């Protein structure tokens, strides 16, 4: 599932997480599980 920038901001705010840290961790998990498209999206969202 990919969020638009505003949706991502809102989800992070409600969960009280920092977006960059969360997306970086998500990218690592996705790569470990061979979910390459999702990992690339997480990496690109940070940039």
PDB file of N, CA and C in Angstrom:
ATOM      1  N   UNK A   1       0.852  -1.159   0.000  1.00  0.00           N
ATOM      2  CA  UNK A   1       0.000   0.000   0.000  1.00  0.00           C
ATOM      3  C   UNK A   1       0.906   1.232   0.000  1.00  0.00           C
ATOM      4  N   UNK A   2       0.640   2.132  -0.903  1.00  0.00           N
ATOM      5  CA  UNK A   2       1.427   3.353  -0.990  1.00  0.00           C
ATOM      6  C   UNK A   2       0.541   4.541  -0.650  1.00  0.00           C
ATOM      7  N   UNK A   3       1.033   5.379   0.218  1.00  0.00           N
ATOM      8  CA  UNK A   3       0.288   6.566   0.623  1.00  0.00           C
ATOM      9  C   UNK A   3       0.716   7.765  -0.210  1.00  0.00           C
ATOM     10  N   UNK A   4      -0.210   8.684  -0.413  1.00  0.00           N
ATOM     11  CA  UNK A   4       0.171   9.967  -0.985  1.00  0.00           C
ATOM     12  C   UNK A   4       0.927  10.722   0.120  1.00  0.00           C
ATOM     13  N   UNK A   5       1.683  11.749  -0.222  1.00  0.00           N
ATOM     14  CA  UNK A   5       2.467  12.454   0.810  1.00  0.00           C
ATOM     15  C   UNK A   5       1.625  12.962   1.985  1.00  0.00           C
ATOM     16  N   UNK A   6       0.453  13.469   1.710  1.00  0.00           N
ATOM     17  CA  UNK A   6      -0.386  13.979   2.804  1.00  0.00           C
ATOM     18  C   UNK A   6      -0.912  12.835   3.659  1.00  0.00           C
ATOM     19  N   UNK A   7      -1.321  11.742   3.018  1.00  0.00           N
ATOM     20  CA  UNK A   7      -1.785  10.580   3.770  1.00  0.00           C
ATOM     21  C   UNK A   7      -0.678   9.993   4.631  1.00  0.00           C
ATOM     22  N   UNK A   8       0.520   9.916   4.072  1.00  0.00           N
ATOM     23  CA  UNK A   8       1.667   9.401   4.826  1.00  0.00           C
ATOM     24  C   UNK A   8       1.941  10.289   6.039  1.00  0.00           C
ATOM     25  N   UNK A   9       1.903  11.592   5.829  1.00  0.00           N
ATOM     26  CA  UNK A   9       2.115  12.524   6.944  1.00  0.00           C
ATOM     27  C   UNK A   9       1.083  12.314   8.035  1.00  0.00           C
ATOM     28  N   UNK A  10      -0.188  12.173   7.637  1.00  0.00           N
ATOM     29  CA  UNK A  10      -1.265  11.999   8.612  1.00  0.00           C
ATOM     30  C   UNK A  10      -1.130  10.685   9.382  1.00  0.00           C
ATOM     31  N   UNK A  11      -0.801   9.611   8.689  1.00  0.00           N
ATOM     32  CA  UNK A  11      -0.625   8.319   9.358  1.00  0.00           C
ATOM     33  C   UNK A  11       0.514   8.399  10.365  1.00  0.00           C
ATOM     34  N   UNK A  12       1.628   8.990   9.965  1.00  0.00           N
ATOM     35  CA  UNK A  12       2.771   9.112  10.881  1.00  0.00           C
ATOM     36  C   UNK A  12       2.411   9.972  12.087  1.00  0.00           C
ATOM     37  N   UNK A  13       1.657  11.033  11.864  1.00  0.00           N
ATOM     38  CA  UNK A  13       1.267  11.899  12.969  1.00  0.00           C
ATOM     39  C   UNK A  13       0.366  11.153  13.951  1.00  0.00           C
ATOM     40  N   UNK A  14      -0.602  10.417  13.432  1.00  0.00           N
ATOM     41  CA  UNK A  14      -1.526   9.687  14.298  1.00  0.00           C
ATOM     42  C   UNK A  14      -0.833   8.561  15.059  1.00  0.00           C
ATOM     43  N   UNK A  15       0.145   7.928  14.421  1.00  0.00           N
ATOM     44  CA  UNK A  15       0.878   6.844  15.088  1.00  0.00           C
ATOM     45  C   UNK A  15       2.036   7.360  15.937  1.00  0.00           C
ATOM     46  N   UNK A  16       2.283   8.661  15.827  1.00  0.00           N
ATOM     47  CA  UNK A  16       3.369   9.311  16.562  1.00  0.00           C
ATOM     48  C   UNK A  16       4.728   8.677  16.236  1.00  0.00           C
ATOM     49  N   UNK A  17       4.973   8.517  14.954  1.00  0.00           N
ATOM     50  CA  UNK A  17       6.263   7.993  14.493  1.00  0.00           C
ATOM     51  C   UNK A  17       6.906   9.017  13.583  1.00  0.00           C
ATOM     52  N   UNK A  18       8.214   8.924  13.458  1.00  0.00           N
ATOM     53  CA  UNK A  18       8.956   9.814  12.575  1.00  0.00           C
ATOM     54  C   UNK A  18       9.010   9.173  11.191  1.00  0.00           C
ATOM     55  N   UNK A  19       8.555   9.881  10.172  1.00  0.00           N
ATOM     56  CA  UNK A  19       8.430   9.282   8.849  1.00  0.00           C
ATOM     57  C   UNK A  19       9.744   8.728   8.284  1.00  0.00           C
ATOM     58  N   UNK A  20      10.832   9.468   8.404  1.00  0.00           N
ATOM     59  CA  UNK A  20      12.089   9.014   7.805  1.00  0.00           C
ATOM     60  C   UNK A  20      12.567   7.733   8.473  1.00  0.00           C
ATOM     61  N   UNK A  21      12.534   7.697   9.787  1.00  0.00           N
ATOM     62  CA  UNK A  21      12.969   6.496  10.505  1.00  0.00           C
ATOM     63  C   UNK A  21      12.077   5.306  10.166  1.00  0.00           C
ATOM     64  N   UNK A  22      10.776   5.530  10.132  1.00  0.00           N
ATOM     65  CA  UNK A  22       9.839   4.440   9.848  1.00  0.00           C
ATOM     66  C   UNK A  22       9.998   3.916   8.432  1.00  0.00           C
ATOM     67  N   UNK A  23      10.143   4.816   7.471  1.00  0.00           N
ATOM     68  CA  UNK A  23      10.293   4.385   6.077  1.00  0.00           C
ATOM     69  C   UNK A  23      11.627   3.690   5.835  1.00  0.00           C
ATOM     70  N   UNK A  24      12.671   4.128   6.521  1.00  0.00           N
ATOM     71  CA  UNK A  24      13.973   3.478   6.399  1.00  0.00           C
ATOM     72  C   UNK A  24      13.895   2.049   6.930  1.00  0.00           C
ATOM     73  N   UNK A  25      13.257   1.876   8.061  1.00  0.00           N
ATOM     74  CA  UNK A  25      13.074   0.539   8.619  1.00  0.00           C
ATOM     75  C   UNK A  25      12.194  -0.312   7.708  1.00  0.00           C
ATOM     76  N   UNK A  26      11.130   0.276   7.195  1.00  0.00           N
ATOM     77  CA  UNK A  26      10.247  -0.442   6.285  1.00  0.00           C
ATOM     78  C   UNK A  26      10.997  -0.896   5.037  1.00  0.00           C
ATOM     79  N   UNK A  27      11.864  -0.047   4.510  1.00  0.00           N
ATOM     80  CA  UNK A  27      12.658  -0.429   3.335  1.00  0.00           C
ATOM     81  C   UNK A  27      13.518  -1.655   3.641  1.00  0.00           C
ATOM     82  N   UNK A  28      14.177  -1.661   4.778  1.00  0.00           N
ATOM     83  CA  UNK A  28      15.034  -2.798   5.158  1.00  0.00           C
ATOM     84  C   UNK A  28      14.221  -4.088   5.277  1.00  0.00           C
ATOM     85  N   UNK A  29      13.062  -3.993   5.909  1.00  0.00           N
ATOM     86  CA  UNK A  29      12.207  -5.172   6.070  1.00  0.00           C
ATOM     87  C   UNK A  29      11.730  -5.676   4.714  1.00  0.00           C
ATOM     88  N   UNK A  30      11.309  -4.758   3.861  1.00  0.00           N
ATOM     89  CA  UNK A  30      10.827  -5.152   2.533  1.00  0.00           C
ATOM     90  C   UNK A  30      11.926  -5.814   1.718  1.00  0.00           C
ATOM     91  N   UNK A  31      13.140  -5.294   1.782  1.00  0.00           N
ATOM     92  CA  UNK A  31      14.254  -5.913   1.039  1.00  0.00           C
ATOM     93  C   UNK A  31      14.555  -7.310   1.576  1.00  0.00           C
ATOM     94  N   UNK A  32      14.518  -7.453   2.891  1.00  0.00           N
ATOM     95  CA  UNK A  32      14.770  -8.762   3.499  1.00  0.00           C
ATOM     96  C   UNK A  32      13.725  -9.773   3.036  1.00  0.00           C
ATOM     97  N   UNK A  33      12.500  -9.324   2.884  1.00  0.00           N
ATOM     98  CA  UNK A  33      11.403 -10.207   2.470  1.00  0.00           C
ATOM     99  C   UNK A  33      11.232 -10.258   0.947  1.00  0.00           C
ATOM    100  N   UNK A  34      12.168  -9.642   0.232  1.00  0.00           N
ATOM    101  CA  UNK A  34      12.185  -9.621  -1.237  1.00  0.00           C
ATOM    102  C   UNK A  34      10.979  -8.909  -1.841  1.00  0.00           C
ATOM    103  N   UNK A  35      10.508  -7.896  -1.170  1.00  0.00           N
ATOM    104  CA  UNK A  35       9.434  -7.052  -1.691  1.00  0.00           C
ATOM    105  C   UNK A  35      10.082  -5.806  -2.300  1.00  0.00           C
ATOM    106  N   UNK A  36      10.671  -5.997  -3.459  1.00  0.00           N
ATOM    107  CA  UNK A  36      11.531  -4.984  -4.061  1.00  0.00           C
ATOM    108  C   UNK A  36      10.766  -3.709  -4.421  1.00  0.00           C
ATOM    109  N   UNK A  37       9.593  -3.830  -5.028  1.00  0.00           N
ATOM    110  CA  UNK A  37       8.822  -2.631  -5.399  1.00  0.00           C
ATOM    111  C   UNK A  37       8.474  -1.797  -4.172  1.00  0.00           C
ATOM    112  N   UNK A  38       8.053  -2.465  -3.112  1.00  0.00           N
ATOM    113  CA  UNK A  38       7.702  -1.752  -1.883  1.00  0.00           C
ATOM    114  C   UNK A  38       8.937  -1.118  -1.249  1.00  0.00           C
ATOM    115  N   UNK A  39      10.062  -1.829  -1.292  1.00  0.00           N
ATOM    116  CA  UNK A  39      11.304  -1.283  -0.744  1.00  0.00           C
ATOM    117  C   UNK A  39      11.729  -0.047  -1.524  1.00  0.00           C
ATOM    118  N   UNK A  40      11.626  -0.116  -2.845  1.00  0.00           N
ATOM    119  CA  UNK A  40      11.987   1.043  -3.666  1.00  0.00           C
ATOM    120  C   UNK A  40      11.080   2.221  -3.384  1.00  0.00           C
ATOM    121  N   UNK A  41       9.780   1.949  -3.202  1.00  0.00           N
ATOM    122  CA  UNK A  41       8.851   3.038  -2.895  1.00  0.00           C
ATOM    123  C   UNK A  41       9.218   3.688  -1.561  1.00  0.00           C
ATOM    124  N   UNK A  42       9.544   2.874  -0.566  1.00  0.00           N
ATOM    125  CA  UNK A  42       9.909   3.412   0.754  1.00  0.00           C
ATOM    126  C   UNK A  42      11.161   4.258   0.648  1.00  0.00           C
ATOM    127  N   UNK A  43      12.136   3.799  -0.108  1.00  0.00           N
ATOM    128  CA  UNK A  43      13.374   4.561  -0.300  1.00  0.00           C
ATOM    129  C   UNK A  43      13.084   5.882  -1.000  1.00  0.00           C
ATOM    130  N   UNK A  44      12.280   5.840  -2.047  1.00  0.00           N
ATOM    131  CA  UNK A  44      11.959   7.054  -2.799  1.00  0.00           C
ATOM    132  C   UNK A  44      11.142   8.031  -1.972  1.00  0.00           C
ATOM    133  N   UNK A  45      10.302   7.530  -1.097  1.00  0.00           N
ATOM    134  CA  UNK A  45       9.484   8.406  -0.256  1.00  0.00           C
ATOM    135  C   UNK A  45      10.345   9.203   0.721  1.00  0.00           C
ATOM    136  N   UNK A  46      11.472   8.623   1.125  1.00  0.00           N
ATOM    137  CA  UNK A  46      12.377   9.316   2.038  1.00  0.00           C
ATOM    138  C   UNK A  46      13.086  10.457   1.304  1.00  0.00           C
ATOM    139  N   UNK A  47      13.419  10.219   0.054  1.00  0.00           N
ATOM    140  CA  UNK A  47      14.130  11.245  -0.727  1.00  0.00           C
ATOM    141  C   UNK A  47      13.180  12.313  -1.076  1.00  0.00           C
TER     142      UNK A  47
END
